[in-house]
Amino acid sequence: MNLKNSKGVILLLVLIFMVALIGLVSSFLFIAMHQSRQAGGLLDDAKAFYAAQAGLRKGIWRLLYDDPPENWALNDGIWPKNEPPALLDTGDGINATYQVTVSCLPGSDCVNDVVFNIRIVASGAVHGISRTVQRDYEADLKNVVNLNDDTLTPILNSWQET
């Protein structure tokens, strides 16, 4: 074999090997970045869900302890009217928001009845990802003086999430 002719072949083989290696590293980098973005989206989805859950709990708390029952049926049976979304600190410097509405279910008279049905809908959002939870409750105001967690009873099979 002639050494003068083989010098260019080694350079060509090294260049082909380098291009293949760069292509392989680039594809691994692309896959890793894509997986990272997907994991971030799942994390934001979970944060939005738990922000909605916090909104649901806040709605229950406000009904039981912060807002007297005689005010529940104000504003056309929907409470609260036009309340801005609340901020929720997720612990990592990113704030989630949630919004809550409580409405009187059709067939219930939230003004005059002692026992009536209400629906609490809460939405949570993080980075444009939104989740909504909804639960129906039976409100029993026989003992309005002593409101507690037994005042609102979840209605079976009324849980919905989107």
C-alpha atoms as a PDB file:
ATOM      1  CA  MET A   1       0.000   0.000   0.000  1.00  0.00           C
ATOM      2  CA  ASN A   2       1.213   3.445  -0.857  1.00  0.00           C
ATOM      3  CA  LEU A   3       1.414   5.782   2.205  1.00  0.00           C
ATOM      4  CA  LYS A   4       1.194   8.919   0.082  1.00  0.00           C
ATOM      5  CA  ASN A   5      -2.337   8.014  -1.063  1.00  0.00           C
ATOM      6  CA  SER A   6      -3.684   6.880   2.374  1.00  0.00           C
ATOM      7  CA  LYS A   7      -3.081  10.163   4.243  1.00  0.00           C
ATOM      8  CA  GLY A   8      -6.265  11.766   2.923  1.00  0.00           C
ATOM      9  CA  VAL A   9      -8.368   8.690   3.739  1.00  0.00           C
ATOM     10  CA  ILE A  10      -7.604   8.899   7.470  1.00  0.00           C
ATOM     11  CA  LEU A  11      -8.601  12.569   7.536  1.00  0.00           C
ATOM     12  CA  LEU A  12     -11.843  11.712   5.717  1.00  0.00           C
ATOM     13  CA  LEU A  13     -12.593   8.871   8.178  1.00  0.00           C
ATOM     14  CA  VAL A  14     -11.991  11.162  11.176  1.00  0.00           C
ATOM     15  CA  LEU A  15     -14.322  13.803   9.688  1.00  0.00           C
ATOM     16  CA  ILE A  16     -17.079  11.220   9.059  1.00  0.00           C
ATOM     17  CA  PHE A  17     -16.666   9.899  12.620  1.00  0.00           C
ATOM     18  CA  MET A  18     -16.885  13.450  14.062  1.00  0.00           C
ATOM     19  CA  VAL A  19     -20.050  14.265  12.053  1.00  0.00           C
ATOM     20  CA  ALA A  20     -21.680  11.015  13.237  1.00  0.00           C
ATOM     21  CA  LEU A  21     -20.678  11.725  16.836  1.00  0.00           C
ATOM     22  CA  ILE A  22     -22.056  15.300  16.658  1.00  0.00           C
ATOM     23  CA  GLY A  23     -25.315  13.962  15.196  1.00  0.00           C
ATOM     24  CA  LEU A  24     -25.636  11.385  17.975  1.00  0.00           C
ATOM     25  CA  VAL A  25     -24.942  13.923  20.729  1.00  0.00           C
ATOM     26  CA  SER A  26     -27.391  16.397  19.155  1.00  0.00           C
ATOM     27  CA  SER A  27     -30.171  13.819  19.047  1.00  0.00           C
ATOM     28  CA  PHE A  28     -29.588  12.867  22.704  1.00  0.00           C
ATOM     29  CA  LEU A  29     -29.637  16.557  23.629  1.00  0.00           C
ATOM     30  CA  PHE A  30     -32.904  17.081  21.718  1.00  0.00           C
ATOM     31  CA  ILE A  31     -34.531  14.087  23.442  1.00  0.00           C
ATOM     32  CA  ALA A  32     -33.384  15.281  26.867  1.00  0.00           C
ATOM     33  CA  MET A  33     -34.743  18.801  26.267  1.00  0.00           C
ATOM     34  CA  HIS A  34     -38.062  17.418  25.009  1.00  0.00           C
ATOM     35  CA  GLN A  35     -38.407  15.162  28.056  1.00  0.00           C
ATOM     36  CA  SER A  36     -37.581  18.089  30.333  1.00  0.00           C
ATOM     37  CA  ARG A  37     -40.296  20.224  28.721  1.00  0.00           C
ATOM     38  CA  GLN A  38     -42.810  17.388  29.045  1.00  0.00           C
ATOM     39  CA  ALA A  39     -41.946  16.917  32.715  1.00  0.00           C
ATOM     40  CA  GLY A  40     -42.342  20.659  33.287  1.00  0.00           C
ATOM     41  CA  GLY A  41     -45.771  20.534  31.634  1.00  0.00           C
ATOM     42  CA  LEU A  42     -46.828  17.641  33.864  1.00  0.00           C
ATOM     43  CA  LEU A  43     -45.581  19.531  36.897  1.00  0.00           C
ATOM     44  CA  ASP A  44     -47.529  22.646  35.873  1.00  0.00           C
ATOM     45  CA  ASP A  45     -50.616  20.489  35.265  1.00  0.00           C
ATOM     46  CA  ALA A  46     -50.338  19.045  38.776  1.00  0.00           C
ATOM     47  CA  LYS A  47     -49.828  22.537  40.241  1.00  0.00           C
ATOM     48  CA  ALA A  48     -52.910  23.809  38.389  1.00  0.00           C
ATOM     49  CA  PHE A  49     -54.945  20.857  39.714  1.00  0.00           C
ATOM     50  CA  TYR A  50     -53.862  21.485  43.292  1.00  0.00           C
ATOM     51  CA  ALA A  51     -54.506  25.220  42.886  1.00  0.00           C
ATOM     52  CA  ALA A  52     -58.063  24.331  41.834  1.00  0.00           C
ATOM     53  CA  GLN A  53     -58.312  22.039  44.870  1.00  0.00           C
ATOM     54  CA  ALA A  54     -57.162  24.932  47.058  1.00  0.00           C
ATOM     55  CA  GLY A  55     -59.865  27.086  45.489  1.00  0.00           C
ATOM     56  CA  LEU A  56     -62.484  24.447  46.286  1.00  0.00           C
ATOM     57  CA  ARG A  57     -61.321  24.290  49.896  1.00  0.00           C
ATOM     58  CA  LYS A  58     -61.267  28.105  50.064  1.00  0.00           C
ATOM     59  CA  GLY A  59     -64.853  28.204  48.792  1.00  0.00           C
ATOM     60  CA  ILE A  60     -65.946  25.780  51.505  1.00  0.00           C
ATOM     61  CA  TRP A  61     -64.051  27.718  54.174  1.00  0.00           C
ATOM     62  CA  ARG A  62     -65.513  31.050  53.085  1.00  0.00           C
ATOM     63  CA  LEU A  63     -69.018  29.643  53.077  1.00  0.00           C
ATOM     64  CA  LEU A  64     -68.650  28.100  56.519  1.00  0.00           C
ATOM     65  CA  TYR A  65     -66.569  30.621  58.400  1.00  0.00           C
ATOM     66  CA  ASP A  66     -66.185  33.893  56.502  1.00  0.00           C
ATOM     67  CA  ASP A  67     -69.516  34.602  54.824  1.00  0.00           C
ATOM     68  CA  PRO A  68     -72.790  34.399  56.740  1.00  0.00           C
ATOM     69  CA  PRO A  69     -75.341  32.022  55.190  1.00  0.00           C
ATOM     70  CA  GLU A  70     -77.832  34.810  54.655  1.00  0.00           C
ATOM     71  CA  ASN A  71     -75.449  36.217  52.027  1.00  0.00           C
ATOM     72  CA  TRP A  72     -74.994  32.950  50.140  1.00  0.00           C
ATOM     73  CA  ALA A  73     -77.830  33.542  47.689  1.00  0.00           C
ATOM     74  CA  LEU A  74     -76.944  37.111  46.758  1.00  0.00           C
ATOM     75  CA  ASN A  75     -75.904  38.088  43.234  1.00  0.00           C
ATOM     76  CA  ASP A  76     -78.397  35.971  41.289  1.00  0.00           C
ATOM     77  CA  GLY A  77     -77.524  32.802  43.185  1.00  0.00           C
ATOM     78  CA  ILE A  78     -73.830  32.997  42.310  1.00  0.00           C
ATOM     79  CA  TRP A  79     -71.128  33.895  44.788  1.00  0.00           C
ATOM     80  CA  PRO A  80     -68.782  35.737  44.547  1.00  0.00           C
ATOM     81  CA  LYS A  81     -69.473  38.028  41.626  1.00  0.00           C
ATOM     82  CA  ASN A  82     -66.485  39.217  39.597  1.00  0.00           C
ATOM     83  CA  GLU A  83     -63.874  38.363  42.205  1.00  0.00           C
ATOM     84  CA  PRO A  84     -60.344  38.491  40.755  1.00  0.00           C
ATOM     85  CA  PRO A  85     -58.259  35.300  40.775  1.00  0.00           C
ATOM     86  CA  ALA A  86     -56.330  34.669  43.993  1.00  0.00           C
ATOM     87  CA  LEU A  87     -52.575  34.034  43.973  1.00  0.00           C
ATOM     88  CA  LEU A  88     -51.192  30.832  45.437  1.00  0.00           C
ATOM     89  CA  ASP A  89     -47.486  30.446  46.218  1.00  0.00           C
ATOM     90  CA  THR A  90     -46.326  27.051  44.955  1.00  0.00           C
ATOM     91  CA  GLY A  91     -43.076  27.206  46.915  1.00  0.00           C
ATOM     92  CA  ASP A  92     -40.752  27.438  43.919  1.00  0.00           C
ATOM     93  CA  GLY A  93     -41.174  31.114  43.088  1.00  0.00           C
ATOM     94  CA  ILE A  94     -43.948  30.455  40.575  1.00  0.00           C
ATOM     95  CA  ASN A  95     -47.402  31.665  41.514  1.00  0.00           C
ATOM     96  CA  ALA A  96     -50.516  29.746  40.589  1.00  0.00           C
ATOM     97  CA  THR A  97     -53.938  31.364  40.497  1.00  0.00           C
ATOM     98  CA  TYR A  98     -57.334  30.033  41.424  1.00  0.00           C
ATOM     99  CA  GLN A  99     -60.855  31.312  41.103  1.00  0.00           C
ATOM    100  CA  VAL A 100     -63.971  30.058  42.900  1.00  0.00           C
ATOM    101  CA  THR A 101     -67.684  30.344  42.203  1.00  0.00           C
ATOM    102  CA  VAL A 102     -70.513  28.971  44.286  1.00  0.00           C
ATOM    103  CA  SER A 103     -73.972  28.663  42.786  1.00  0.00           C
ATOM    104  CA  CYS A 104     -77.356  27.418  43.860  1.00  0.00           C
ATOM    105  CA  LEU A 105     -78.313  24.243  41.984  1.00  0.00           C
ATOM    106  CA  PRO A 106     -81.495  24.288  39.900  1.00  0.00           C
ATOM    107  CA  GLY A 107     -84.485  23.220  41.965  1.00  0.00           C
ATOM    108  CA  SER A 108     -82.977  24.551  45.199  1.00  0.00           C
ATOM    109  CA  ASP A 109     -84.115  27.744  46.879  1.00  0.00           C
ATOM    110  CA  CYS A 110     -80.949  29.037  48.514  1.00  0.00           C
ATOM    111  CA  VAL A 111     -82.803  32.026  49.947  1.00  0.00           C
ATOM    112  CA  ASN A 112     -85.752  30.437  51.747  1.00  0.00           C
ATOM    113  CA  ASP A 113     -84.895  26.741  52.251  1.00  0.00           C
ATOM    114  CA  VAL A 114     -83.112  25.463  55.332  1.00  0.00           C
ATOM    115  CA  VAL A 115     -81.615  22.574  53.348  1.00  0.00           C
ATOM    116  CA  PHE A 116     -80.541  23.269  49.763  1.00  0.00           C
ATOM    117  CA  ASN A 117     -77.949  22.182  47.198  1.00  0.00           C
ATOM    118  CA  ILE A 118     -75.016  24.258  46.005  1.00  0.00           C
ATOM    119  CA  ARG A 119     -72.231  23.756  43.463  1.00  0.00           C
ATOM    120  CA  ILE A 120     -68.675  24.902  44.036  1.00  0.00           C
ATOM    121  CA  VAL A 121     -66.520  25.273  40.917  1.00  0.00           C
ATOM    122  CA  ALA A 122     -62.842  26.173  41.216  1.00  0.00           C
ATOM    123  CA  SER A 123     -60.277  26.720  38.473  1.00  0.00           C
ATOM    124  CA  GLY A 124     -56.522  26.749  38.935  1.00  0.00           C
ATOM    125  CA  ALA A 125     -53.905  27.932  36.432  1.00  0.00           C
ATOM    126  CA  VAL A 126     -50.117  27.853  36.110  1.00  0.00           C
ATOM    127  CA  HIS A 127     -48.193  28.985  32.999  1.00  0.00           C
ATOM    128  CA  GLY A 128     -51.332  28.890  30.851  1.00  0.00           C
ATOM    129  CA  ILE A 129     -52.303  25.362  31.943  1.00  0.00           C
ATOM    130  CA  SER A 130     -55.733  25.342  33.546  1.00  0.00           C
ATOM    131  CA  ARG A 131     -57.594  22.712  35.577  1.00  0.00           C
ATOM    132  CA  THR A 132     -61.133  22.897  36.925  1.00  0.00           C
ATOM    133  CA  VAL A 133     -62.772  20.927  39.735  1.00  0.00           C
ATOM    134  CA  GLN A 134     -66.438  20.911  40.650  1.00  0.00           C
ATOM    135  CA  ARG A 135     -68.350  19.449  43.573  1.00  0.00           C
ATOM    136  CA  ASP A 136     -72.001  19.628  44.629  1.00  0.00           C
ATOM    137  CA  TYR A 137     -72.923  19.915  48.305  1.00  0.00           C
ATOM    138  CA  GLU A 138     -76.051  19.781  50.370  1.00  0.00           C
ATOM    139  CA  ALA A 139     -76.140  22.735  52.754  1.00  0.00           C
ATOM    140  CA  ASP A 140     -78.015  22.146  56.003  1.00  0.00           C
ATOM    141  CA  LEU A 141     -78.622  25.385  57.884  1.00  0.00           C
ATOM    142  CA  LYS A 142     -80.804  24.003  60.671  1.00  0.00           C
ATOM    143  CA  ASN A 143     -78.138  24.968  63.163  1.00  0.00           C
ATOM    144  CA  VAL A 144     -76.808  28.233  61.722  1.00  0.00           C
ATOM    145  CA  VAL A 145     -75.358  29.295  65.061  1.00  0.00           C
ATOM    146  CA  ASN A 146     -72.762  26.524  64.969  1.00  0.00           C
ATOM    147  CA  LEU A 147     -71.456  26.180  61.404  1.00  0.00           C
ATOM    148  CA  ASN A 148     -68.948  23.375  60.973  1.00  0.00           C
ATOM    149  CA  ASP A 149     -67.772  20.847  58.425  1.00  0.00           C
ATOM    150  CA  ASP A 150     -71.030  18.887  58.831  1.00  0.00           C
ATOM    151  CA  THR A 151     -73.000  21.870  57.507  1.00  0.00           C
ATOM    152  CA  LEU A 152     -71.917  20.983  53.945  1.00  0.00           C
ATOM    153  CA  THR A 153     -72.282  17.346  52.880  1.00  0.00           C
ATOM    154  CA  PRO A 154     -70.801  16.279  49.528  1.00  0.00           C
ATOM    155  CA  ILE A 155     -73.380  14.859  47.140  1.00  0.00           C
ATOM    156  CA  LEU A 156     -72.272  11.431  45.919  1.00  0.00           C
ATOM    157  CA  ASN A 157     -71.027  11.150  42.333  1.00  0.00           C
ATOM    158  CA  SER A 158     -70.895  14.922  41.899  1.00  0.00           C
ATOM    159  CA  TRP A 159     -67.098  15.227  41.583  1.00  0.00           C
ATOM    160  CA  GLN A 160     -65.895  16.436  38.193  1.00  0.00           C
ATOM    161  CA  GLU A 161     -62.519  17.576  37.003  1.00  0.00           C
ATOM    162  CA  THR A 162     -61.284  18.881  33.689  1.00  0.00           C
END
